[in-house]
């Protein structure tokens, strides 16, 4: 640990430190200094000392981060630096991403009942099963092929939450041949989104409800397994009992990254 404030371990790799330093320096040099009229300056934009004073941090720390030295800022220090640099929302998010930190002041996206227009438009245009999921994994939109496949989940008057359908509805057990393994994987994928909304009481209520109602969910949740949402072959039992094979693909729209578009193509 360093004696300078705002520095902690673990450290970033050299390339990431270099990118972070270049980003901070470029934005420092874009700022207009409070320069008395007529005084000429050799340094473009703010000097490091001036940026440090604005941010209330060490000038040495500013120099080290721009030089790509082995330092790492706390989220609070990065927040002060972002304000001193007058970063936009996107620039602030990029600063925290380069620094390998989570922004404590990042506004969580407001959940919406309606799917983003981009997702809704793609879902209805596809000839194969497709649906949208919001950040709570509620179905926000779906097409007719998806409604035919996911009988008991997609349709008017049916429960919209995918997790509640898979873990609590007997129809899911009949639809999914390897039900328990698929349910466990689904939960491990959901935990990634849960980690992005730890302070959301609605997310906590969803999880606590499932832990109470489903012994399998409670057991799998306690195992702390986390998996990326990956594509692959998915098997379902058709209405006539014959297996249906699909290859699943998932996408997040750039305008609403809290939503997902899920498409199932015949395998």
C-alpha atoms as a PDB file:
ATOM      1  CA  UNK A   1       0.000   0.000   0.000  1.00  0.00           C
ATOM      2  CA  UNK A   2       1.232   3.506  -0.790  1.00  0.00           C
ATOM      3  CA  UNK A   3       1.355   6.375   1.639  1.00  0.00           C
ATOM      4  CA  UNK A   4      -0.394   8.556  -0.931  1.00  0.00           C
ATOM      5  CA  UNK A   5      -4.189   8.876  -0.565  1.00  0.00           C
ATOM      6  CA  UNK A   6      -6.422   7.108  -3.028  1.00  0.00           C
ATOM      7  CA  UNK A   7      -3.963   4.352  -3.918  1.00  0.00           C
ATOM      8  CA  UNK A   8      -4.663   0.678  -3.270  1.00  0.00           C
ATOM      9  CA  UNK A   9      -3.979  -2.783  -4.637  1.00  0.00           C
ATOM     10  CA  UNK A  10      -4.312  -4.853  -6.778  1.00  0.00           C
ATOM     11  CA  UNK A  11      -2.496  -3.072  -9.574  1.00  0.00           C
ATOM     12  CA  UNK A  12      -3.459  -2.725 -13.225  1.00  0.00           C
ATOM     13  CA  UNK A  13      -1.458  -4.281 -16.031  1.00  0.00           C
ATOM     14  CA  UNK A  14       1.011  -2.014 -17.901  1.00  0.00           C
ATOM     15  CA  UNK A  15      -1.174  -1.537 -20.985  1.00  0.00           C
ATOM     16  CA  UNK A  16      -4.179  -0.556 -18.889  1.00  0.00           C
ATOM     17  CA  UNK A  17      -2.082   1.878 -16.827  1.00  0.00           C
ATOM     18  CA  UNK A  18      -0.751   3.426 -20.039  1.00  0.00           C
ATOM     19  CA  UNK A  19      -4.251   3.868 -21.476  1.00  0.00           C
ATOM     20  CA  UNK A  20      -5.537   5.348 -18.235  1.00  0.00           C
ATOM     21  CA  UNK A  21      -2.632   7.804 -18.050  1.00  0.00           C
ATOM     22  CA  UNK A  22      -3.085   8.891 -21.667  1.00  0.00           C
ATOM     23  CA  UNK A  23      -6.819   9.400 -21.103  1.00  0.00           C
ATOM     24  CA  UNK A  24      -6.324  11.575 -18.012  1.00  0.00           C
ATOM     25  CA  UNK A  25      -3.579  13.627 -19.635  1.00  0.00           C
ATOM     26  CA  UNK A  26      -5.573  14.263 -22.830  1.00  0.00           C
ATOM     27  CA  UNK A  27      -8.573  15.495 -20.880  1.00  0.00           C
ATOM     28  CA  UNK A  28      -6.439  17.605 -18.557  1.00  0.00           C
ATOM     29  CA  UNK A  29      -4.885  19.347 -21.556  1.00  0.00           C
ATOM     30  CA  UNK A  30      -8.327  20.112 -22.990  1.00  0.00           C
ATOM     31  CA  UNK A  31      -9.401  22.141 -19.980  1.00  0.00           C
ATOM     32  CA  UNK A  32      -9.102  25.909 -20.009  1.00  0.00           C
ATOM     33  CA  UNK A  33      -7.001  27.232 -17.121  1.00  0.00           C
ATOM     34  CA  UNK A  34      -7.934  30.272 -15.088  1.00  0.00           C
ATOM     35  CA  UNK A  35      -5.246  32.386 -16.710  1.00  0.00           C
ATOM     36  CA  UNK A  36      -4.851  36.133 -16.035  1.00  0.00           C
ATOM     37  CA  UNK A  37      -5.187  38.178 -19.213  1.00  0.00           C
ATOM     38  CA  UNK A  38      -1.939  38.673 -21.056  1.00  0.00           C
ATOM     39  CA  UNK A  39      -0.015  35.879 -19.312  1.00  0.00           C
ATOM     40  CA  UNK A  40       1.399  33.327 -21.732  1.00  0.00           C
ATOM     41  CA  UNK A  41       1.574  29.634 -20.828  1.00  0.00           C
ATOM     42  CA  UNK A  42       3.783  26.964 -22.293  1.00  0.00           C
ATOM     43  CA  UNK A  43       1.622  24.089 -21.027  1.00  0.00           C
ATOM     44  CA  UNK A  44      -1.643  23.405 -22.887  1.00  0.00           C
ATOM     45  CA  UNK A  45      -4.690  23.180 -20.681  1.00  0.00           C
ATOM     46  CA  UNK A  46      -4.329  22.657 -16.957  1.00  0.00           C
ATOM     47  CA  UNK A  47      -1.050  21.860 -15.267  1.00  0.00           C
ATOM     48  CA  UNK A  48      -0.994  18.714 -13.156  1.00  0.00           C
ATOM     49  CA  UNK A  49      -0.812  20.811 -10.010  1.00  0.00           C
ATOM     50  CA  UNK A  50      -3.903  22.729 -11.063  1.00  0.00           C
ATOM     51  CA  UNK A  51      -5.836  19.541 -11.768  1.00  0.00           C
ATOM     52  CA  UNK A  52      -4.763  18.107  -8.428  1.00  0.00           C
ATOM     53  CA  UNK A  53      -5.957  21.251  -6.658  1.00  0.00           C
ATOM     54  CA  UNK A  54      -9.316  21.081  -8.417  1.00  0.00           C
ATOM     55  CA  UNK A  55      -9.729  17.420  -7.514  1.00  0.00           C
ATOM     56  CA  UNK A  56      -8.382  17.739  -3.985  1.00  0.00           C
ATOM     57  CA  UNK A  57      -5.795  14.994  -4.530  1.00  0.00           C
ATOM     58  CA  UNK A  58      -2.009  14.719  -4.535  1.00  0.00           C
ATOM     59  CA  UNK A  59      -0.103  16.319  -7.423  1.00  0.00           C
ATOM     60  CA  UNK A  60       2.315  13.408  -7.167  1.00  0.00           C
ATOM     61  CA  UNK A  61      -0.585  11.008  -7.684  1.00  0.00           C
ATOM     62  CA  UNK A  62      -1.644  12.930 -10.824  1.00  0.00           C
ATOM     63  CA  UNK A  63       1.868  12.663 -12.218  1.00  0.00           C
ATOM     64  CA  UNK A  64       2.116   8.971 -11.436  1.00  0.00           C
ATOM     65  CA  UNK A  65      -1.169   8.049 -13.050  1.00  0.00           C
ATOM     66  CA  UNK A  66      -0.321   9.966 -16.241  1.00  0.00           C
ATOM     67  CA  UNK A  67       3.078   8.266 -16.329  1.00  0.00           C
ATOM     68  CA  UNK A  68       1.491   4.829 -16.051  1.00  0.00           C
ATOM     69  CA  UNK A  69       3.092   4.140 -12.681  1.00  0.00           C
ATOM     70  CA  UNK A  70       1.892   1.259 -10.488  1.00  0.00           C
ATOM     71  CA  UNK A  71      -0.866   3.066  -8.629  1.00  0.00           C
ATOM     72  CA  UNK A  72      -4.583   2.496  -8.400  1.00  0.00           C
ATOM     73  CA  UNK A  73      -7.203   5.021  -7.375  1.00  0.00           C
ATOM     74  CA  UNK A  74     -10.128   4.392  -5.076  1.00  0.00           C
ATOM     75  CA  UNK A  75     -13.626   4.964  -6.515  1.00  0.00           C
ATOM     76  CA  UNK A  76     -13.947   8.138  -4.431  1.00  0.00           C
ATOM     77  CA  UNK A  77     -10.682   9.532  -5.817  1.00  0.00           C
ATOM     78  CA  UNK A  78     -11.714   8.696  -9.363  1.00  0.00           C
ATOM     79  CA  UNK A  79     -15.012  10.480  -8.790  1.00  0.00           C
ATOM     80  CA  UNK A  80     -13.213  13.648  -7.709  1.00  0.00           C
ATOM     81  CA  UNK A  81     -10.890  13.369 -10.695  1.00  0.00           C
ATOM     82  CA  UNK A  82     -13.819  12.915 -13.083  1.00  0.00           C
ATOM     83  CA  UNK A  83     -15.510  16.055 -11.737  1.00  0.00           C
ATOM     84  CA  UNK A  84     -12.278  18.054 -11.937  1.00  0.00           C
ATOM     85  CA  UNK A  85     -11.825  16.958 -15.553  1.00  0.00           C
ATOM     86  CA  UNK A  86     -15.475  17.863 -16.330  1.00  0.00           C
ATOM     87  CA  UNK A  87     -16.035  14.466 -17.932  1.00  0.00           C
ATOM     88  CA  UNK A  88     -19.277  13.589 -19.643  1.00  0.00           C
ATOM     89  CA  UNK A  89     -21.258  10.542 -18.490  1.00  0.00           C
ATOM     90  CA  UNK A  90     -19.683   8.370 -21.181  1.00  0.00           C
ATOM     91  CA  UNK A  91     -16.193   9.698 -20.444  1.00  0.00           C
ATOM     92  CA  UNK A  92     -16.641   9.104 -16.718  1.00  0.00           C
ATOM     93  CA  UNK A  93     -17.749   5.533 -17.360  1.00  0.00           C
ATOM     94  CA  UNK A  94     -14.671   5.021 -19.555  1.00  0.00           C
ATOM     95  CA  UNK A  95     -12.402   6.410 -16.826  1.00  0.00           C
ATOM     96  CA  UNK A  96     -13.761   3.930 -14.290  1.00  0.00           C
ATOM     97  CA  UNK A  97     -13.513   1.112 -16.828  1.00  0.00           C
ATOM     98  CA  UNK A  98      -9.845   1.872 -17.519  1.00  0.00           C
ATOM     99  CA  UNK A  99      -9.157   2.080 -13.800  1.00  0.00           C
ATOM    100  CA  UNK A 100     -10.842  -1.261 -13.168  1.00  0.00           C
ATOM    101  CA  UNK A 101     -13.295   0.240 -10.689  1.00  0.00           C
ATOM    102  CA  UNK A 102     -17.072   0.406 -10.302  1.00  0.00           C
ATOM    103  CA  UNK A 103     -18.493   3.926 -10.201  1.00  0.00           C
ATOM    104  CA  UNK A 104     -20.459   4.265  -6.931  1.00  0.00           C
ATOM    105  CA  UNK A 105     -22.414   7.202  -8.354  1.00  0.00           C
ATOM    106  CA  UNK A 106     -23.385   5.547 -11.626  1.00  0.00           C
ATOM    107  CA  UNK A 107     -27.129   5.800 -12.053  1.00  0.00           C
ATOM    108  CA  UNK A 108     -28.779   2.433 -12.426  1.00  0.00           C
ATOM    109  CA  UNK A 109     -30.969   2.295 -15.524  1.00  0.00           C
ATOM    110  CA  UNK A 110     -34.634   2.651 -14.720  1.00  0.00           C
ATOM    111  CA  UNK A 111     -36.424  -0.581 -15.517  1.00  0.00           C
ATOM    112  CA  UNK A 112     -39.187  -0.204 -18.048  1.00  0.00           C
ATOM    113  CA  UNK A 113     -42.088  -2.516 -18.761  1.00  0.00           C
ATOM    114  CA  UNK A 114     -41.797  -1.899 -22.478  1.00  0.00           C
ATOM    115  CA  UNK A 115     -38.941  -3.330 -24.495  1.00  0.00           C
ATOM    116  CA  UNK A 116     -36.499  -0.912 -26.164  1.00  0.00           C
ATOM    117  CA  UNK A 117     -37.709  -0.124 -29.693  1.00  0.00           C
ATOM    118  CA  UNK A 118     -34.620  -1.762 -31.187  1.00  0.00           C
ATOM    119  CA  UNK A 119     -35.329  -5.060 -29.423  1.00  0.00           C
ATOM    120  CA  UNK A 120     -39.069  -5.003 -30.096  1.00  0.00           C
ATOM    121  CA  UNK A 121     -38.523  -4.319 -33.798  1.00  0.00           C
ATOM    122  CA  UNK A 122     -36.086  -7.202 -34.196  1.00  0.00           C
ATOM    123  CA  UNK A 123     -38.244  -9.654 -32.239  1.00  0.00           C
ATOM    124  CA  UNK A 124     -41.326  -9.172 -34.401  1.00  0.00           C
ATOM    125  CA  UNK A 125     -39.297  -9.297 -37.622  1.00  0.00           C
ATOM    126  CA  UNK A 126     -37.671 -12.661 -36.951  1.00  0.00           C
ATOM    127  CA  UNK A 127     -39.263 -15.889 -38.216  1.00  0.00           C
ATOM    128  CA  UNK A 128     -37.780 -17.976 -35.384  1.00  0.00           C
ATOM    129  CA  UNK A 129     -38.393 -17.834 -31.613  1.00  0.00           C
ATOM    130  CA  UNK A 130     -37.153 -14.549 -30.168  1.00  0.00           C
ATOM    131  CA  UNK A 131     -37.875 -12.575 -27.024  1.00  0.00           C
ATOM    132  CA  UNK A 132     -36.588  -9.673 -24.944  1.00  0.00           C
ATOM    133  CA  UNK A 133     -35.600  -9.745 -21.270  1.00  0.00           C
ATOM    134  CA  UNK A 134     -35.388  -6.752 -18.944  1.00  0.00           C
ATOM    135  CA  UNK A 135     -32.858  -6.462 -16.116  1.00  0.00           C
ATOM    136  CA  UNK A 136     -35.076  -8.580 -13.833  1.00  0.00           C
ATOM    137  CA  UNK A 137     -35.373 -11.228 -16.563  1.00  0.00           C
ATOM    138  CA  UNK A 138     -39.009 -10.444 -17.199  1.00  0.00           C
ATOM    139  CA  UNK A 139     -40.116 -11.006 -20.774  1.00  0.00           C
ATOM    140  CA  UNK A 140     -40.533  -7.529 -22.259  1.00  0.00           C
ATOM    141  CA  UNK A 141     -41.556  -8.714 -25.748  1.00  0.00           C
ATOM    142  CA  UNK A 142     -41.791 -11.905 -27.804  1.00  0.00           C
ATOM    143  CA  UNK A 143     -42.944 -13.146 -31.175  1.00  0.00           C
ATOM    144  CA  UNK A 144     -45.458 -15.836 -32.050  1.00  0.00           C
ATOM    145  CA  UNK A 145     -42.864 -18.614 -32.598  1.00  0.00           C
ATOM    146  CA  UNK A 146     -41.532 -17.948 -29.083  1.00  0.00           C
ATOM    147  CA  UNK A 147     -45.030 -18.045 -27.607  1.00  0.00           C
ATOM    148  CA  UNK A 148     -45.638 -21.414 -29.269  1.00  0.00           C
ATOM    149  CA  UNK A 149     -42.357 -22.804 -27.960  1.00  0.00           C
ATOM    150  CA  UNK A 150     -42.519 -21.433 -24.416  1.00  0.00           C
ATOM    151  CA  UNK A 151     -46.036 -22.506 -23.588  1.00  0.00           C
ATOM    152  CA  UNK A 152     -46.780 -21.623 -19.997  1.00  0.00           C
ATOM    153  CA  UNK A 153     -44.405 -18.642 -19.971  1.00  0.00           C
ATOM    154  CA  UNK A 154     -44.962 -16.320 -22.943  1.00  0.00           C
ATOM    155  CA  UNK A 155     -48.476 -15.122 -23.592  1.00  0.00           C
ATOM    156  CA  UNK A 156     -51.154 -12.859 -22.203  1.00  0.00           C
ATOM    157  CA  UNK A 157     -51.946 -13.505 -18.553  1.00  0.00           C
ATOM    158  CA  UNK A 158     -48.898 -15.729 -17.988  1.00  0.00           C
ATOM    159  CA  UNK A 159     -46.037 -15.081 -15.528  1.00  0.00           C
ATOM    160  CA  UNK A 160     -43.432 -12.974 -17.270  1.00  0.00           C
ATOM    161  CA  UNK A 161     -40.347 -13.703 -15.161  1.00  0.00           C
ATOM    162  CA  UNK A 162     -38.096 -16.346 -16.728  1.00  0.00           C
ATOM    163  CA  UNK A 163     -36.566 -17.447 -13.433  1.00  0.00           C
ATOM    164  CA  UNK A 164     -39.915 -17.889 -11.741  1.00  0.00           C
ATOM    165  CA  UNK A 165     -41.166 -19.881 -14.719  1.00  0.00           C
ATOM    166  CA  UNK A 166     -38.144 -22.189 -14.829  1.00  0.00           C
ATOM    167  CA  UNK A 167     -37.872 -22.804 -11.095  1.00  0.00           C
ATOM    168  CA  UNK A 168     -41.531 -22.782 -10.026  1.00  0.00           C
ATOM    169  CA  UNK A 169     -43.706 -23.827 -12.973  1.00  0.00           C
ATOM    170  CA  UNK A 170     -44.248 -27.526 -13.651  1.00  0.00           C
ATOM    171  CA  UNK A 171     -44.597 -26.673 -17.347  1.00  0.00           C
ATOM    172  CA  UNK A 172     -40.882 -25.821 -17.435  1.00  0.00           C
ATOM    173  CA  UNK A 173     -39.976 -29.327 -16.297  1.00  0.00           C
ATOM    174  CA  UNK A 174     -41.960 -30.792 -19.182  1.00  0.00           C
ATOM    175  CA  UNK A 175     -40.519 -28.328 -21.699  1.00  0.00           C
ATOM    176  CA  UNK A 176     -36.826 -28.613 -20.784  1.00  0.00           C
ATOM    177  CA  UNK A 177     -35.409 -32.172 -20.931  1.00  0.00           C
ATOM    178  CA  UNK A 178     -32.341 -31.489 -18.751  1.00  0.00           C
ATOM    179  CA  UNK A 179     -34.337 -29.211 -16.474  1.00  0.00           C
ATOM    180  CA  UNK A 180     -32.187 -29.134 -13.314  1.00  0.00           C
ATOM    181  CA  UNK A 181     -28.887 -28.601 -15.126  1.00  0.00           C
ATOM    182  CA  UNK A 182     -30.402 -25.888 -17.324  1.00  0.00           C
ATOM    183  CA  UNK A 183     -32.020 -24.205 -14.308  1.00  0.00           C
ATOM    184  CA  UNK A 184     -28.714 -24.107 -12.457  1.00  0.00           C
ATOM    185  CA  UNK A 185     -26.946 -22.622 -15.467  1.00  0.00           C
ATOM    186  CA  UNK A 186     -29.674 -20.029 -15.907  1.00  0.00           C
ATOM    187  CA  UNK A 187     -29.254 -18.944 -12.306  1.00  0.00           C
ATOM    188  CA  UNK A 188     -25.474 -18.718 -12.662  1.00  0.00           C
ATOM    189  CA  UNK A 189     -25.951 -16.453 -15.697  1.00  0.00           C
ATOM    190  CA  UNK A 190     -28.521 -14.324 -13.876  1.00  0.00           C
ATOM    191  CA  UNK A 191     -26.080 -13.704 -11.015  1.00  0.00           C
ATOM    192  CA  UNK A 192     -24.032 -11.496 -13.356  1.00  0.00           C
ATOM    193  CA  UNK A 193     -27.001  -9.130 -13.761  1.00  0.00           C
ATOM    194  CA  UNK A 194     -27.757  -9.384 -10.059  1.00  0.00           C
ATOM    195  CA  UNK A 195     -24.240  -8.103  -9.363  1.00  0.00           C
ATOM    196  CA  UNK A 196     -25.013  -4.956 -11.365  1.00  0.00           C
ATOM    197  CA  UNK A 197     -28.050  -4.177  -9.194  1.00  0.00           C
ATOM    198  CA  UNK A 198     -27.025  -5.128  -5.668  1.00  0.00           C
ATOM    199  CA  UNK A 199     -28.696  -2.065  -4.163  1.00  0.00           C
ATOM    200  CA  UNK A 200     -31.993  -2.440  -6.008  1.00  0.00           C
ATOM    201  CA  UNK A 201     -34.689  -3.588  -3.543  1.00  0.00           C
ATOM    202  CA  UNK A 202     -36.754  -5.054  -6.397  1.00  0.00           C
ATOM    203  CA  UNK A 203     -33.880  -7.301  -7.411  1.00  0.00           C
ATOM    204  CA  UNK A 204     -33.352  -8.419  -3.833  1.00  0.00           C
ATOM    205  CA  UNK A 205     -37.076  -9.109  -3.458  1.00  0.00           C
ATOM    206  CA  UNK A 206     -37.043 -11.282  -6.588  1.00  0.00           C
ATOM    207  CA  UNK A 207     -34.148 -13.367  -5.281  1.00  0.00           C
ATOM    208  CA  UNK A 208     -35.502 -13.677  -1.746  1.00  0.00           C
ATOM    209  CA  UNK A 209     -38.866 -14.775  -3.070  1.00  0.00           C
ATOM    210  CA  UNK A 210     -37.300 -17.485  -5.212  1.00  0.00           C
ATOM    211  CA  UNK A 211     -35.082 -18.663  -2.373  1.00  0.00           C
ATOM    212  CA  UNK A 212     -38.174 -19.101  -0.213  1.00  0.00           C
ATOM    213  CA  UNK A 213     -40.310 -20.816  -2.847  1.00  0.00           C
ATOM    214  CA  UNK A 214     -37.764 -23.038  -4.624  1.00  0.00           C
ATOM    215  CA  UNK A 215     -35.404 -25.396  -2.742  1.00  0.00           C
ATOM    216  CA  UNK A 216     -33.349 -25.854  -5.927  1.00  0.00           C
ATOM    217  CA  UNK A 217     -32.969 -22.112  -6.359  1.00  0.00           C
ATOM    218  CA  UNK A 218     -31.954 -21.728  -2.696  1.00  0.00           C
ATOM    219  CA  UNK A 219     -29.357 -24.501  -2.980  1.00  0.00           C
ATOM    220  CA  UNK A 220     -27.943 -23.244  -6.289  1.00  0.00           C
ATOM    221  CA  UNK A 221     -27.859 -19.638  -5.056  1.00  0.00           C
ATOM    222  CA  UNK A 222     -25.747 -20.605  -2.049  1.00  0.00           C
ATOM    223  CA  UNK A 223     -23.162 -22.200  -4.373  1.00  0.00           C
ATOM    224  CA  UNK A 224     -22.193 -18.729  -5.718  1.00  0.00           C
ATOM    225  CA  UNK A 225     -21.659 -19.972  -9.292  1.00  0.00           C
ATOM    226  CA  UNK A 226     -21.298 -17.231 -11.909  1.00  0.00           C
ATOM    227  CA  UNK A 227     -21.297 -17.854 -15.671  1.00  0.00           C
ATOM    228  CA  UNK A 228     -21.370 -15.688 -18.776  1.00  0.00           C
ATOM    229  CA  UNK A 229     -24.541 -15.941 -20.820  1.00  0.00           C
ATOM    230  CA  UNK A 230     -23.311 -18.009 -23.731  1.00  0.00           C
ATOM    231  CA  UNK A 231     -25.008 -19.404 -26.759  1.00  0.00           C
ATOM    232  CA  UNK A 232     -25.188 -23.035 -27.703  1.00  0.00           C
ATOM    233  CA  UNK A 233     -27.585 -25.824 -28.544  1.00  0.00           C
ATOM    234  CA  UNK A 234     -30.780 -25.869 -26.498  1.00  0.00           C
ATOM    235  CA  UNK A 235     -33.186 -28.809 -26.429  1.00  0.00           C
ATOM    236  CA  UNK A 236     -36.922 -28.506 -25.814  1.00  0.00           C
ATOM    237  CA  UNK A 237     -39.765 -30.995 -25.847  1.00  0.00           C
ATOM    238  CA  UNK A 238     -42.172 -30.207 -28.665  1.00  0.00           C
ATOM    239  CA  UNK A 239     -45.972 -30.381 -28.291  1.00  0.00           C
ATOM    240  CA  UNK A 240     -45.912 -33.876 -29.786  1.00  0.00           C
ATOM    241  CA  UNK A 241     -43.123 -34.988 -27.469  1.00  0.00           C
ATOM    242  CA  UNK A 242     -40.416 -34.939 -30.106  1.00  0.00           C
ATOM    243  CA  UNK A 243     -37.237 -32.992 -29.204  1.00  0.00           C
ATOM    244  CA  UNK A 244     -36.684 -29.572 -30.773  1.00  0.00           C
ATOM    245  CA  UNK A 245     -33.087 -28.353 -31.235  1.00  0.00           C
ATOM    246  CA  UNK A 246     -32.178 -24.678 -31.346  1.00  0.00           C
ATOM    247  CA  UNK A 247     -28.963 -22.696 -31.185  1.00  0.00           C
ATOM    248  CA  UNK A 248     -29.349 -19.789 -28.783  1.00  0.00           C
ATOM    249  CA  UNK A 249     -27.834 -16.339 -29.317  1.00  0.00           C
ATOM    250  CA  UNK A 250     -28.098 -13.407 -26.889  1.00  0.00           C
ATOM    251  CA  UNK A 251     -27.436  -9.711 -27.554  1.00  0.00           C
ATOM    252  CA  UNK A 252     -27.576  -6.493 -25.530  1.00  0.00           C
ATOM    253  CA  UNK A 253     -28.701  -3.316 -27.336  1.00  0.00           C
ATOM    254  CA  UNK A 254     -26.316  -0.383 -27.060  1.00  0.00           C
ATOM    255  CA  UNK A 255     -29.143   2.025 -26.197  1.00  0.00           C
ATOM    256  CA  UNK A 256     -30.447  -0.126 -23.323  1.00  0.00           C
ATOM    257  CA  UNK A 257     -27.735  -2.504 -22.046  1.00  0.00           C
ATOM    258  CA  UNK A 258     -30.040  -3.550 -19.191  1.00  0.00           C
ATOM    259  CA  UNK A 259     -32.107  -5.477 -21.767  1.00  0.00           C
ATOM    260  CA  UNK A 260     -31.318  -8.625 -23.741  1.00  0.00           C
ATOM    261  CA  UNK A 261     -32.468  -9.941 -27.087  1.00  0.00           C
ATOM    262  CA  UNK A 262     -32.549 -13.753 -27.179  1.00  0.00           C
ATOM    263  CA  UNK A 263     -32.906 -15.564 -30.506  1.00  0.00           C
ATOM    264  CA  UNK A 264     -33.297 -19.321 -31.053  1.00  0.00           C
ATOM    265  CA  UNK A 265     -32.309 -20.557 -34.510  1.00  0.00           C
ATOM    266  CA  UNK A 266     -33.122 -24.112 -35.617  1.00  0.00           C
ATOM    267  CA  UNK A 267     -30.047 -26.302 -35.101  1.00  0.00           C
END
